[in-house]
């Protein structure tokens, strides 16, 4: 078992994101998860990501606040403990349209060729 403390989480920059601070909770370390990594994203009001797509699926879990997810022209608002899966190559945009910070877990597989 690998335990990581929140106080030790390191920030990371995500491409095509704005108004967000991302912290890596698990992943990319010896003894860590072998298939995916887990981040905690804190989006300011107006913050978001995309529109874009990736070649791998991802899972979003809103912990606090709300996040609007736009996929295939359909808008869905996620609130606390709501989640969604974004399919590989699915065009998506996320926007925090609320006036409070949205805190969200993000679970993403490792990129191809990554060896853990």
PDB file of N, CA and C in Angstrom:
ATOM      1  N   UNK A   1       0.845  -1.186   0.000  1.00  0.00           N
ATOM      2  CA  UNK A   1       0.000   0.000   0.000  1.00  0.00           C
ATOM      3  C   UNK A   1       0.881   1.237   0.000  1.00  0.00           C
ATOM      4  N   UNK A   2       0.491   2.188  -0.815  1.00  0.00           N
ATOM      5  CA  UNK A   2       1.190   3.468  -0.859  1.00  0.00           C
ATOM      6  C   UNK A   2       0.250   4.537  -0.327  1.00  0.00           C
ATOM      7  N   UNK A   3       0.659   5.207   0.723  1.00  0.00           N
ATOM      8  CA  UNK A   3      -0.132   6.289   1.308  1.00  0.00           C
ATOM      9  C   UNK A   3       0.485   7.617   0.895  1.00  0.00           C
ATOM     10  N   UNK A   4      -0.359   8.495   0.425  1.00  0.00           N
ATOM     11  CA  UNK A   4       0.073   9.846   0.104  1.00  0.00           C
ATOM     12  C   UNK A   4      -0.746  10.811   0.941  1.00  0.00           C
ATOM     13  N   UNK A   5      -0.097  11.761   1.539  1.00  0.00           N
ATOM     14  CA  UNK A   5      -0.771  12.782   2.340  1.00  0.00           C
ATOM     15  C   UNK A   5      -1.087  13.989   1.463  1.00  0.00           C
ATOM     16  N   UNK A   6      -2.265  14.555   1.690  1.00  0.00           N
ATOM     17  CA  UNK A   6      -2.682  15.723   0.919  1.00  0.00           C
ATOM     18  C   UNK A   6      -1.647  16.841   1.016  1.00  0.00           C
ATOM     19  N   UNK A   7      -1.060  17.009   2.185  1.00  0.00           N
ATOM     20  CA  UNK A   7      -0.062  18.066   2.383  1.00  0.00           C
ATOM     21  C   UNK A   7       1.149  17.884   1.470  1.00  0.00           C
ATOM     22  N   UNK A   8       1.377  16.660   0.976  1.00  0.00           N
ATOM     23  CA  UNK A   8       2.525  16.381   0.121  1.00  0.00           C
ATOM     24  C   UNK A   8       2.185  16.385  -1.375  1.00  0.00           C
ATOM     25  N   UNK A   9       0.932  16.609  -1.716  1.00  0.00           N
ATOM     26  CA  UNK A   9       0.529  16.607  -3.131  1.00  0.00           C
ATOM     27  C   UNK A   9       1.224  17.751  -3.869  1.00  0.00           C
ATOM     28  N   UNK A  10       1.663  17.450  -5.075  1.00  0.00           N
ATOM     29  CA  UNK A  10       2.384  18.444  -5.883  1.00  0.00           C
ATOM     30  C   UNK A  10       1.480  18.985  -6.995  1.00  0.00           C
ATOM     31  N   UNK A  11       1.562  20.294  -7.266  1.00  0.00           N
ATOM     32  CA  UNK A  11       0.760  20.861  -8.350  1.00  0.00           C
ATOM     33  C   UNK A  11       1.263  20.402  -9.716  1.00  0.00           C
ATOM     34  N   UNK A  12       0.369  20.396 -10.675  1.00  0.00           N
ATOM     35  CA  UNK A  12       0.739  20.103 -12.054  1.00  0.00           C
ATOM     36  C   UNK A  12      -0.060  21.023 -12.972  1.00  0.00           C
ATOM     37  N   UNK A  13       0.489  21.285 -14.140  1.00  0.00           N
ATOM     38  CA  UNK A  13      -0.191  22.104 -15.148  1.00  0.00           C
ATOM     39  C   UNK A  13      -0.848  21.177 -16.158  1.00  0.00           C
ATOM     40  N   UNK A  14      -2.109  21.413 -16.432  1.00  0.00           N
ATOM     41  CA  UNK A  14      -2.835  20.634 -17.430  1.00  0.00           C
ATOM     42  C   UNK A  14      -3.011  21.493 -18.676  1.00  0.00           C
ATOM     43  N   UNK A  15      -2.731  20.954 -19.858  1.00  0.00           N
ATOM     44  CA  UNK A  15      -2.884  21.749 -21.071  1.00  0.00           C
ATOM     45  C   UNK A  15      -4.335  22.151 -21.325  1.00  0.00           C
ATOM     46  N   UNK A  16      -4.515  23.336 -21.872  1.00  0.00           N
ATOM     47  CA  UNK A  16      -5.827  23.871 -22.255  1.00  0.00           C
ATOM     48  C   UNK A  16      -6.791  24.000 -21.071  1.00  0.00           C
ATOM     49  N   UNK A  17      -6.258  24.241 -19.878  1.00  0.00           N
ATOM     50  CA  UNK A  17      -7.058  24.497 -18.678  1.00  0.00           C
ATOM     51  C   UNK A  17      -6.857  25.957 -18.284  1.00  0.00           C
ATOM     52  N   UNK A  18      -7.850  26.524 -17.623  1.00  0.00           N
ATOM     53  CA  UNK A  18      -7.752  27.920 -17.181  1.00  0.00           C
ATOM     54  C   UNK A  18      -8.442  28.068 -15.824  1.00  0.00           C
ATOM     55  N   UNK A  19      -7.899  28.951 -14.990  1.00  0.00           N
ATOM     56  CA  UNK A  19      -8.506  29.210 -13.688  1.00  0.00           C
ATOM     57  C   UNK A  19      -8.569  27.978 -12.811  1.00  0.00           C
ATOM     58  N   UNK A  20      -7.502  27.197 -12.808  1.00  0.00           N
ATOM     59  CA  UNK A  20      -7.504  25.937 -12.059  1.00  0.00           C
ATOM     60  C   UNK A  20      -6.132  25.684 -11.440  1.00  0.00           C
ATOM     61  N   UNK A  21      -6.161  25.044 -10.285  1.00  0.00           N
ATOM     62  CA  UNK A  21      -4.949  24.488  -9.681  1.00  0.00           C
ATOM     63  C   UNK A  21      -5.176  22.992  -9.570  1.00  0.00           C
ATOM     64  N   UNK A  22      -4.272  22.222 -10.184  1.00  0.00           N
ATOM     65  CA  UNK A  22      -4.358  20.768 -10.123  1.00  0.00           C
ATOM     66  C   UNK A  22      -3.292  20.219  -9.196  1.00  0.00           C
ATOM     67  N   UNK A  23      -3.672  19.265  -8.361  1.00  0.00           N
ATOM     68  CA  UNK A  23      -2.734  18.587  -7.462  1.00  0.00           C
ATOM     69  C   UNK A  23      -2.753  17.095  -7.770  1.00  0.00           C
ATOM     70  N   UNK A  24      -1.582  16.495  -7.928  1.00  0.00           N
ATOM     71  CA  UNK A  24      -1.511  15.059  -8.169  1.00  0.00           C
ATOM     72  C   UNK A  24      -1.578  14.340  -6.819  1.00  0.00           C
ATOM     73  N   UNK A  25      -2.627  13.544  -6.616  1.00  0.00           N
ATOM     74  CA  UNK A  25      -2.796  12.796  -5.370  1.00  0.00           C
ATOM     75  C   UNK A  25      -2.102  11.444  -5.420  1.00  0.00           C
ATOM     76  N   UNK A  26      -2.227  10.761  -6.553  1.00  0.00           N
ATOM     77  CA  UNK A  26      -1.624   9.448  -6.733  1.00  0.00           C
ATOM     78  C   UNK A  26      -1.181   9.312  -8.184  1.00  0.00           C
ATOM     79  N   UNK A  27      -0.069   8.635  -8.385  1.00  0.00           N
ATOM     80  CA  UNK A  27       0.371   8.324  -9.735  1.00  0.00           C
ATOM     81  C   UNK A  27       1.750   8.839 -10.057  1.00  0.00           C
ATOM     82  N   UNK A  28       2.387   8.138 -11.004  1.00  0.00           N
ATOM     83  CA  UNK A  28       3.718   8.482 -11.493  1.00  0.00           C
ATOM     84  C   UNK A  28       4.789   8.359 -10.413  1.00  0.00           C
ATOM     85  N   UNK A  29       4.567   7.462  -9.411  1.00  0.00           N
ATOM     86  CA  UNK A  29       5.591   7.260  -8.398  1.00  0.00           C
ATOM     87  C   UNK A  29       5.772   5.762  -8.163  1.00  0.00           C
ATOM     88  N   UNK A  30       6.971   5.350  -7.753  1.00  0.00           N
ATOM     89  CA  UNK A  30       7.200   3.933  -7.461  1.00  0.00           C
ATOM     90  C   UNK A  30       6.216   3.429  -6.399  1.00  0.00           C
ATOM     91  N   UNK A  31       5.632   2.272  -6.644  1.00  0.00           N
ATOM     92  CA  UNK A  31       4.692   1.691  -5.691  1.00  0.00           C
ATOM     93  C   UNK A  31       3.289   2.240  -5.793  1.00  0.00           C
ATOM     94  N   UNK A  32       3.075   3.199  -6.692  1.00  0.00           N
ATOM     95  CA  UNK A  32       1.756   3.816  -6.854  1.00  0.00           C
ATOM     96  C   UNK A  32       0.881   2.999  -7.790  1.00  0.00           C
ATOM     97  N   UNK A  33      -0.260   3.559  -8.182  1.00  0.00           N
ATOM     98  CA  UNK A  33      -1.170   2.833  -9.059  1.00  0.00           C
ATOM     99  C   UNK A  33      -0.496   2.481 -10.386  1.00  0.00           C
ATOM    100  N   UNK A  34      -0.851   1.313 -10.908  1.00  0.00           N
ATOM    101  CA  UNK A  34      -0.211   0.809 -12.133  1.00  0.00           C
ATOM    102  C   UNK A  34      -0.960   1.212 -13.404  1.00  0.00           C
ATOM    103  N   UNK A  35      -2.240   1.564 -13.292  1.00  0.00           N
ATOM    104  CA  UNK A  35      -3.045   1.784 -14.487  1.00  0.00           C
ATOM    105  C   UNK A  35      -3.495   3.217 -14.700  1.00  0.00           C
ATOM    106  N   UNK A  36      -3.584   4.009 -13.648  1.00  0.00           N
ATOM    107  CA  UNK A  36      -4.116   5.358 -13.760  1.00  0.00           C
ATOM    108  C   UNK A  36      -3.511   6.255 -12.689  1.00  0.00           C
ATOM    109  N   UNK A  37      -3.739   7.555 -12.865  1.00  0.00           N
ATOM    110  CA  UNK A  37      -3.340   8.504 -11.836  1.00  0.00           C
ATOM    111  C   UNK A  37      -4.561   9.310 -11.431  1.00  0.00           C
ATOM    112  N   UNK A  38      -4.469   9.947 -10.249  1.00  0.00           N
ATOM    113  CA  UNK A  38      -5.608  10.661  -9.670  1.00  0.00           C
ATOM    114  C   UNK A  38      -5.167  12.079  -9.332  1.00  0.00           C
ATOM    115  N   UNK A  39      -5.951  13.034  -9.825  1.00  0.00           N
ATOM    116  CA  UNK A  39      -5.677  14.432  -9.523  1.00  0.00           C
ATOM    117  C   UNK A  39      -6.859  15.069  -8.823  1.00  0.00           C
ATOM    118  N   UNK A  40      -6.589  16.140  -8.124  1.00  0.00           N
ATOM    119  CA  UNK A  40      -7.618  16.963  -7.499  1.00  0.00           C
ATOM    120  C   UNK A  40      -7.523  18.333  -8.150  1.00  0.00           C
ATOM    121  N   UNK A  41      -8.591  18.743  -8.824  1.00  0.00           N
ATOM    122  CA  UNK A  41      -8.611  20.029  -9.513  1.00  0.00           C
ATOM    123  C   UNK A  41      -9.517  20.984  -8.769  1.00  0.00           C
ATOM    124  N   UNK A  42      -9.036  22.217  -8.594  1.00  0.00           N
ATOM    125  CA  UNK A  42      -9.804  23.262  -7.933  1.00  0.00           C
ATOM    126  C   UNK A  42      -9.997  24.395  -8.939  1.00  0.00           C
ATOM    127  N   UNK A  43     -11.238  24.492  -9.470  1.00  0.00           N
ATOM    128  CA  UNK A  43     -11.564  25.457 -10.512  1.00  0.00           C
ATOM    129  C   UNK A  43     -12.195  26.699  -9.905  1.00  0.00           C
ATOM    130  N   UNK A  44     -11.617  27.857 -10.200  1.00  0.00           N
ATOM    131  CA  UNK A  44     -12.207  29.128  -9.799  1.00  0.00           C
ATOM    132  C   UNK A  44     -13.480  29.383 -10.602  1.00  0.00           C
ATOM    133  N   UNK A  45     -14.351  30.280 -10.144  1.00  0.00           N
ATOM    134  CA  UNK A  45     -15.485  30.680 -10.975  1.00  0.00           C
ATOM    135  C   UNK A  45     -14.990  31.135 -12.347  1.00  0.00           C
ATOM    136  N   UNK A  46     -15.620  30.635 -13.387  1.00  0.00           N
ATOM    137  CA  UNK A  46     -15.201  30.946 -14.752  1.00  0.00           C
ATOM    138  C   UNK A  46     -14.099  30.053 -15.281  1.00  0.00           C
ATOM    139  N   UNK A  47     -13.475  29.265 -14.413  1.00  0.00           N
ATOM    140  CA  UNK A  47     -12.415  28.366 -14.841  1.00  0.00           C
ATOM    141  C   UNK A  47     -12.974  27.180 -15.602  1.00  0.00           C
ATOM    142  N   UNK A  48     -12.099  26.480 -16.284  1.00  0.00           N
ATOM    143  CA  UNK A  48     -12.552  25.313 -17.014  1.00  0.00           C
ATOM    144  C   UNK A  48     -11.449  24.703 -17.849  1.00  0.00           C
ATOM    145  N   UNK A  49     -11.872  23.889 -18.824  1.00  0.00           N
ATOM    146  CA  UNK A  49     -10.932  23.212 -19.712  1.00  0.00           C
ATOM    147  C   UNK A  49     -11.611  22.946 -21.045  1.00  0.00           C
ATOM    148  N   UNK A  50     -10.789  22.931 -22.096  1.00  0.00           N
ATOM    149  CA  UNK A  50     -11.294  22.616 -23.423  1.00  0.00           C
ATOM    150  C   UNK A  50     -11.881  23.839 -24.101  1.00  0.00           C
ATOM    151  N   UNK A  51     -12.573  23.608 -25.194  1.00  0.00           N
ATOM    152  CA  UNK A  51     -12.981  22.305 -25.707  1.00  0.00           C
ATOM    153  C   UNK A  51     -11.812  21.561 -26.362  1.00  0.00           C
ATOM    154  N   UNK A  52     -11.740  20.270 -26.060  1.00  0.00           N
ATOM    155  CA  UNK A  52     -10.757  19.392 -26.670  1.00  0.00           C
ATOM    156  C   UNK A  52     -11.124  17.942 -26.364  1.00  0.00           C
ATOM    157  N   UNK A  53     -10.299  17.043 -26.831  1.00  0.00           N
ATOM    158  CA  UNK A  53     -10.501  15.626 -26.552  1.00  0.00           C
ATOM    159  C   UNK A  53      -9.138  14.990 -26.327  1.00  0.00           C
ATOM    160  N   UNK A  54      -9.159  13.810 -25.757  1.00  0.00           N
ATOM    161  CA  UNK A  54      -7.928  13.059 -25.527  1.00  0.00           C
ATOM    162  C   UNK A  54      -8.141  11.631 -26.034  1.00  0.00           C
ATOM    163  N   UNK A  55      -7.056  10.909 -26.288  1.00  0.00           N
ATOM    164  CA  UNK A  55      -7.197   9.548 -26.797  1.00  0.00           C
ATOM    165  C   UNK A  55      -7.547   8.517 -25.723  1.00  0.00           C
ATOM    166  N   UNK A  56      -7.778   8.967 -24.508  1.00  0.00           N
ATOM    167  CA  UNK A  56      -8.101   8.043 -23.421  1.00  0.00           C
ATOM    168  C   UNK A  56      -9.307   8.562 -22.653  1.00  0.00           C
ATOM    169  N   UNK A  57      -9.989   7.658 -21.957  1.00  0.00           N
ATOM    170  CA  UNK A  57     -11.140   8.076 -21.163  1.00  0.00           C
ATOM    171  C   UNK A  57     -10.673   8.731 -19.873  1.00  0.00           C
ATOM    172  N   UNK A  58     -11.571   9.472 -19.261  1.00  0.00           N
ATOM    173  CA  UNK A  58     -11.292  10.077 -17.953  1.00  0.00           C
ATOM    174  C   UNK A  58     -12.588  10.098 -17.166  1.00  0.00           C
ATOM    175  N   UNK A  59     -12.448  10.124 -15.857  1.00  0.00           N
ATOM    176  CA  UNK A  59     -13.601  10.174 -14.958  1.00  0.00           C
ATOM    177  C   UNK A  59     -13.472  11.431 -14.120  1.00  0.00           C
ATOM    178  N   UNK A  60     -14.585  12.179 -14.024  1.00  0.00           N
ATOM    179  CA  UNK A  60     -14.660  13.354 -13.165  1.00  0.00           C
ATOM    180  C   UNK A  60     -15.626  13.045 -12.026  1.00  0.00           C
ATOM    181  N   UNK A  61     -15.226  13.410 -10.800  1.00  0.00           N
ATOM    182  CA  UNK A  61     -16.106  13.299  -9.632  1.00  0.00           C
ATOM    183  C   UNK A  61     -16.092  14.656  -8.935  1.00  0.00           C
ATOM    184  N   UNK A  62     -17.221  15.333  -8.901  1.00  0.00           N
ATOM    185  CA  UNK A  62     -17.301  16.632  -8.230  1.00  0.00           C
ATOM    186  C   UNK A  62     -17.415  16.380  -6.720  1.00  0.00           C
ATOM    187  N   UNK A  63     -16.521  16.995  -5.967  1.00  0.00           N
ATOM    188  CA  UNK A  63     -16.547  16.865  -4.508  1.00  0.00           C
ATOM    189  C   UNK A  63     -17.280  18.030  -3.855  1.00  0.00           C
ATOM    190  N   UNK A  64     -17.117  19.225  -4.430  1.00  0.00           N
ATOM    191  CA  UNK A  64     -17.754  20.418  -3.872  1.00  0.00           C
ATOM    192  C   UNK A  64     -17.985  21.413  -4.997  1.00  0.00           C
ATOM    193  N   UNK A  65     -19.059  22.159  -4.913  1.00  0.00           N
ATOM    194  CA  UNK A  65     -19.391  23.123  -5.950  1.00  0.00           C
ATOM    195  C   UNK A  65     -20.138  22.443  -7.079  1.00  0.00           C
ATOM    196  N   UNK A  66     -20.047  23.030  -8.270  1.00  0.00           N
ATOM    197  CA  UNK A  66     -20.684  22.417  -9.435  1.00  0.00           C
ATOM    198  C   UNK A  66     -19.867  22.704 -10.677  1.00  0.00           C
ATOM    199  N   UNK A  67     -19.977  21.803 -11.645  1.00  0.00           N
ATOM    200  CA  UNK A  67     -19.241  21.919 -12.895  1.00  0.00           C
ATOM    201  C   UNK A  67     -20.187  21.597 -14.048  1.00  0.00           C
ATOM    202  N   UNK A  68     -20.177  22.461 -15.067  1.00  0.00           N
ATOM    203  CA  UNK A  68     -20.939  22.198 -16.280  1.00  0.00           C
ATOM    204  C   UNK A  68     -20.033  21.455 -17.255  1.00  0.00           C
ATOM    205  N   UNK A  69     -20.490  20.289 -17.690  1.00  0.00           N
ATOM    206  CA  UNK A  69     -19.759  19.476 -18.656  1.00  0.00           C
ATOM    207  C   UNK A  69     -20.537  19.529 -19.972  1.00  0.00           C
ATOM    208  N   UNK A  70     -19.860  19.903 -21.040  1.00  0.00           N
ATOM    209  CA  UNK A  70     -20.492  20.003 -22.356  1.00  0.00           C
ATOM    210  C   UNK A  70     -19.849  18.944 -23.244  1.00  0.00           C
ATOM    211  N   UNK A  71     -20.641  17.973 -23.686  1.00  0.00           N
ATOM    212  CA  UNK A  71     -20.156  16.908 -24.557  1.00  0.00           C
ATOM    213  C   UNK A  71     -21.201  16.659 -25.636  1.00  0.00           C
ATOM    214  N   UNK A  72     -20.753  16.595 -26.868  1.00  0.00           N
ATOM    215  CA  UNK A  72     -21.660  16.382 -27.994  1.00  0.00           C
ATOM    216  C   UNK A  72     -22.802  17.394 -28.012  1.00  0.00           C
ATOM    217  N   UNK A  73     -22.518  18.635 -27.602  1.00  0.00           N
ATOM    218  CA  UNK A  73     -23.517  19.690 -27.619  1.00  0.00           C
ATOM    219  C   UNK A  73     -24.515  19.641 -26.478  1.00  0.00           C
ATOM    220  N   UNK A  74     -24.371  18.679 -25.583  1.00  0.00           N
ATOM    221  CA  UNK A  74     -25.288  18.522 -24.446  1.00  0.00           C
ATOM    222  C   UNK A  74     -24.588  19.020 -23.184  1.00  0.00           C
ATOM    223  N   UNK A  75     -25.275  19.905 -22.446  1.00  0.00           N
ATOM    224  CA  UNK A  75     -24.732  20.428 -21.190  1.00  0.00           C
ATOM    225  C   UNK A  75     -25.325  19.674 -20.015  1.00  0.00           C
ATOM    226  N   UNK A  76     -24.447  19.244 -19.106  1.00  0.00           N
ATOM    227  CA  UNK A  76     -24.862  18.556 -17.887  1.00  0.00           C
ATOM    228  C   UNK A  76     -24.170  19.236 -16.721  1.00  0.00           C
ATOM    229  N   UNK A  77     -24.924  19.598 -15.694  1.00  0.00           N
ATOM    230  CA  UNK A  77     -24.341  20.203 -14.496  1.00  0.00           C
ATOM    231  C   UNK A  77     -24.152  19.106 -13.451  1.00  0.00           C
ATOM    232  N   UNK A  78     -22.915  18.945 -13.007  1.00  0.00           N
ATOM    233  CA  UNK A  78     -22.590  17.987 -11.962  1.00  0.00           C
ATOM    234  C   UNK A  78     -22.464  18.718 -10.636  1.00  0.00           C
ATOM    235  N   UNK A  79     -23.083  18.177  -9.596  1.00  0.00           N
ATOM    236  CA  UNK A  79     -22.981  18.708  -8.249  1.00  0.00           C
ATOM    237  C   UNK A  79     -22.203  17.750  -7.366  1.00  0.00           C
ATOM    238  N   UNK A  80     -22.153  18.019  -6.065  1.00  0.00           N
ATOM    239  CA  UNK A  80     -21.371  17.197  -5.150  1.00  0.00           C
ATOM    240  C   UNK A  80     -21.712  15.710  -5.259  1.00  0.00           C
ATOM    241  N   UNK A  81     -20.647  14.923  -5.446  1.00  0.00           N
ATOM    242  CA  UNK A  81     -20.655  13.467  -5.567  1.00  0.00           C
ATOM    243  C   UNK A  81     -21.268  12.956  -6.859  1.00  0.00           C
ATOM    244  N   UNK A  82     -21.618  13.859  -7.800  1.00  0.00           N
ATOM    245  CA  UNK A  82     -21.984  13.444  -9.146  1.00  0.00           C
ATOM    246  C   UNK A  82     -20.694  13.152  -9.913  1.00  0.00           C
ATOM    247  N   UNK A  83     -20.786  12.266 -10.896  1.00  0.00           N
ATOM    248  CA  UNK A  83     -19.606  11.917 -11.679  1.00  0.00           C
ATOM    249  C   UNK A  83     -19.994  11.665 -13.123  1.00  0.00           C
ATOM    250  N   UNK A  84     -19.001  11.655 -13.986  1.00  0.00           N
ATOM    251  CA  UNK A  84     -19.216  11.308 -15.387  1.00  0.00           C
ATOM    252  C   UNK A  84     -17.942  10.689 -15.941  1.00  0.00           C
ATOM    253  N   UNK A  85     -18.123   9.902 -16.993  1.00  0.00           N
ATOM    254  CA  UNK A  85     -17.009   9.345 -17.745  1.00  0.00           C
ATOM    255  C   UNK A  85     -16.996  10.022 -19.108  1.00  0.00           C
ATOM    256  N   UNK A  86     -15.847  10.515 -19.499  1.00  0.00           N
ATOM    257  CA  UNK A  86     -15.664  11.098 -20.820  1.00  0.00           C
ATOM    258  C   UNK A  86     -14.942  10.045 -21.656  1.00  0.00           C
ATOM    259  N   UNK A  87     -15.545   9.646 -22.753  1.00  0.00           N
ATOM    260  CA  UNK A  87     -14.997   8.581 -23.598  1.00  0.00           C
ATOM    261  C   UNK A  87     -13.760   9.053 -24.362  1.00  0.00           C
ATOM    262  N   UNK A  88     -12.928   8.104 -24.791  1.00  0.00           N
ATOM    263  CA  UNK A  88     -11.787   8.478 -25.635  1.00  0.00           C
ATOM    264  C   UNK A  88     -12.262   9.229 -26.880  1.00  0.00           C
ATOM    265  N   UNK A  89     -11.554  10.286 -27.224  1.00  0.00           N
ATOM    266  CA  UNK A  89     -11.808  11.112 -28.413  1.00  0.00           C
ATOM    267  C   UNK A  89     -13.134  11.873 -28.361  1.00  0.00           C
ATOM    268  N   UNK A  90     -13.831  11.852 -27.235  1.00  0.00           N
ATOM    269  CA  UNK A  90     -15.080  12.610 -27.104  1.00  0.00           C
ATOM    270  C   UNK A  90     -14.736  14.087 -26.871  1.00  0.00           C
ATOM    271  N   UNK A  91     -15.264  14.958 -27.716  1.00  0.00           N
ATOM    272  CA  UNK A  91     -15.033  16.392 -27.556  1.00  0.00           C
ATOM    273  C   UNK A  91     -15.799  16.870 -26.336  1.00  0.00           C
ATOM    274  N   UNK A  92     -15.089  17.502 -25.397  1.00  0.00           N
ATOM    275  CA  UNK A  92     -15.735  17.976 -24.186  1.00  0.00           C
ATOM    276  C   UNK A  92     -15.158  19.320 -23.774  1.00  0.00           C
ATOM    277  N   UNK A  93     -15.995  20.058 -23.060  1.00  0.00           N
ATOM    278  CA  UNK A  93     -15.567  21.297 -22.413  1.00  0.00           C
ATOM    279  C   UNK A  93     -16.162  21.282 -21.027  1.00  0.00           C
ATOM    280  N   UNK A  94     -15.409  21.780 -20.051  1.00  0.00           N
ATOM    281  CA  UNK A  94     -15.949  21.932 -18.704  1.00  0.00           C
ATOM    282  C   UNK A  94     -15.793  23.386 -18.289  1.00  0.00           C
ATOM    283  N   UNK A  95     -16.841  23.910 -17.623  1.00  0.00           N
ATOM    284  CA  UNK A  95     -16.844  25.311 -17.211  1.00  0.00           C
ATOM    285  C   UNK A  95     -17.484  25.415 -15.836  1.00  0.00           C
ATOM    286  N   UNK A  96     -16.811  26.119 -14.932  1.00  0.00           N
ATOM    287  CA  UNK A  96     -17.395  26.414 -13.629  1.00  0.00           C
ATOM    288  C   UNK A  96     -18.180  27.718 -13.774  1.00  0.00           C
ATOM    289  N   UNK A  97     -19.498  27.593 -13.907  1.00  0.00           N
ATOM    290  CA  UNK A  97     -20.356  28.774 -14.076  1.00  0.00           C
ATOM    291  C   UNK A  97     -20.907  29.283 -12.753  1.00  0.00           C
ATOM    292  N   UNK A  98     -20.546  28.652 -11.669  1.00  0.00           N
ATOM    293  CA  UNK A  98     -21.014  29.072 -10.347  1.00  0.00           C
ATOM    294  C   UNK A  98     -20.077  30.135  -9.777  1.00  0.00           C
ATOM    295  N   UNK A  99     -20.495  30.752  -8.704  1.00  0.00           N
ATOM    296  CA  UNK A  99     -19.681  31.784  -8.057  1.00  0.00           C
ATOM    297  C   UNK A  99     -18.899  31.244  -6.872  1.00  0.00           C
ATOM    298  N   UNK A 100     -18.609  29.954  -6.884  1.00  0.00           N
ATOM    299  CA  UNK A 100     -17.768  29.359  -5.846  1.00  0.00           C
ATOM    300  C   UNK A 100     -16.829  28.357  -6.492  1.00  0.00           C
ATOM    301  N   UNK A 101     -15.775  28.027  -5.800  1.00  0.00           N
ATOM    302  CA  UNK A 101     -14.785  27.080  -6.312  1.00  0.00           C
ATOM    303  C   UNK A 101     -15.426  25.707  -6.481  1.00  0.00           C
ATOM    304  N   UNK A 102     -15.072  25.028  -7.560  1.00  0.00           N
ATOM    305  CA  UNK A 102     -15.476  23.637  -7.771  1.00  0.00           C
ATOM    306  C   UNK A 102     -14.254  22.753  -7.541  1.00  0.00           C
ATOM    307  N   UNK A 103     -14.388  21.792  -6.656  1.00  0.00           N
ATOM    308  CA  UNK A 103     -13.318  20.844  -6.377  1.00  0.00           C
ATOM    309  C   UNK A 103     -13.710  19.503  -6.975  1.00  0.00           C
ATOM    310  N   UNK A 104     -12.813  18.936  -7.767  1.00  0.00           N
ATOM    311  CA  UNK A 104     -13.161  17.759  -8.545  1.00  0.00           C
ATOM    312  C   UNK A 104     -11.999  16.764  -8.569  1.00  0.00           C
ATOM    313  N   UNK A 105     -12.306  15.470  -8.356  1.00  0.00           N
ATOM    314  CA  UNK A 105     -11.332  14.411  -8.590  1.00  0.00           C
ATOM    315  C   UNK A 105     -11.311  14.096 -10.071  1.00  0.00           C
ATOM    316  N   UNK A 106     -10.128  13.823 -10.590  1.00  0.00           N
ATOM    317  CA  UNK A 106      -9.968  13.441 -11.982  1.00  0.00           C
ATOM    318  C   UNK A 106      -9.144  12.158 -12.002  1.00  0.00           C
ATOM    319  N   UNK A 107      -9.677  11.113 -12.642  1.00  0.00           N
ATOM    320  CA  UNK A 107      -8.983   9.833 -12.734  1.00  0.00           C
ATOM    321  C   UNK A 107      -8.717   9.587 -14.219  1.00  0.00           C
ATOM    322  N   UNK A 108      -7.429   9.414 -14.550  1.00  0.00           N
ATOM    323  CA  UNK A 108      -7.007   9.314 -15.953  1.00  0.00           C
ATOM    324  C   UNK A 108      -6.014   8.165 -16.087  1.00  0.00           C
ATOM    325  N   UNK A 109      -6.147   7.337 -17.146  1.00  0.00           N
ATOM    326  CA  UNK A 109      -5.140   6.300 -17.370  1.00  0.00           C
ATOM    327  C   UNK A 109      -3.788   6.919 -17.721  1.00  0.00           C
ATOM    328  N   UNK A 110      -2.744   6.177 -17.461  1.00  0.00           N
ATOM    329  CA  UNK A 110      -1.424   6.632 -17.868  1.00  0.00           C
ATOM    330  C   UNK A 110      -1.339   6.725 -19.393  1.00  0.00           C
ATOM    331  N   UNK A 111      -0.483   7.616 -19.895  1.00  0.00           N
ATOM    332  CA  UNK A 111      -0.304   7.695 -21.342  1.00  0.00           C
ATOM    333  C   UNK A 111       0.333   6.407 -21.883  1.00  0.00           C
ATOM    334  N   UNK A 112       0.112   6.117 -23.160  1.00  0.00           N
ATOM    335  CA  UNK A 112       0.726   4.909 -23.744  1.00  0.00           C
ATOM    336  C   UNK A 112       2.241   4.927 -23.551  1.00  0.00           C
ATOM    337  N   UNK A 113       2.785   3.777 -23.248  1.00  0.00           N
ATOM    338  CA  UNK A 113       4.228   3.656 -23.063  1.00  0.00           C
ATOM    339  C   UNK A 113       4.715   3.938 -21.662  1.00  0.00           C
ATOM    340  N   UNK A 114       3.809   4.399 -20.764  1.00  0.00           N
ATOM    341  CA  UNK A 114       4.228   4.674 -19.390  1.00  0.00           C
ATOM    342  C   UNK A 114       4.495   3.362 -18.673  1.00  0.00           C
ATOM    343  N   UNK A 115       5.589   3.296 -17.988  1.00  0.00           N
ATOM    344  CA  UNK A 115       5.917   2.105 -17.190  1.00  0.00           C
ATOM    345  C   UNK A 115       5.923   2.513 -15.733  1.00  0.00           C
ATOM    346  N   UNK A 116       5.059   1.869 -14.938  1.00  0.00           N
ATOM    347  CA  UNK A 116       5.022   2.228 -13.514  1.00  0.00           C
ATOM    348  C   UNK A 116       5.810   1.238 -12.700  1.00  0.00           C
TER     349      UNK A 116
END
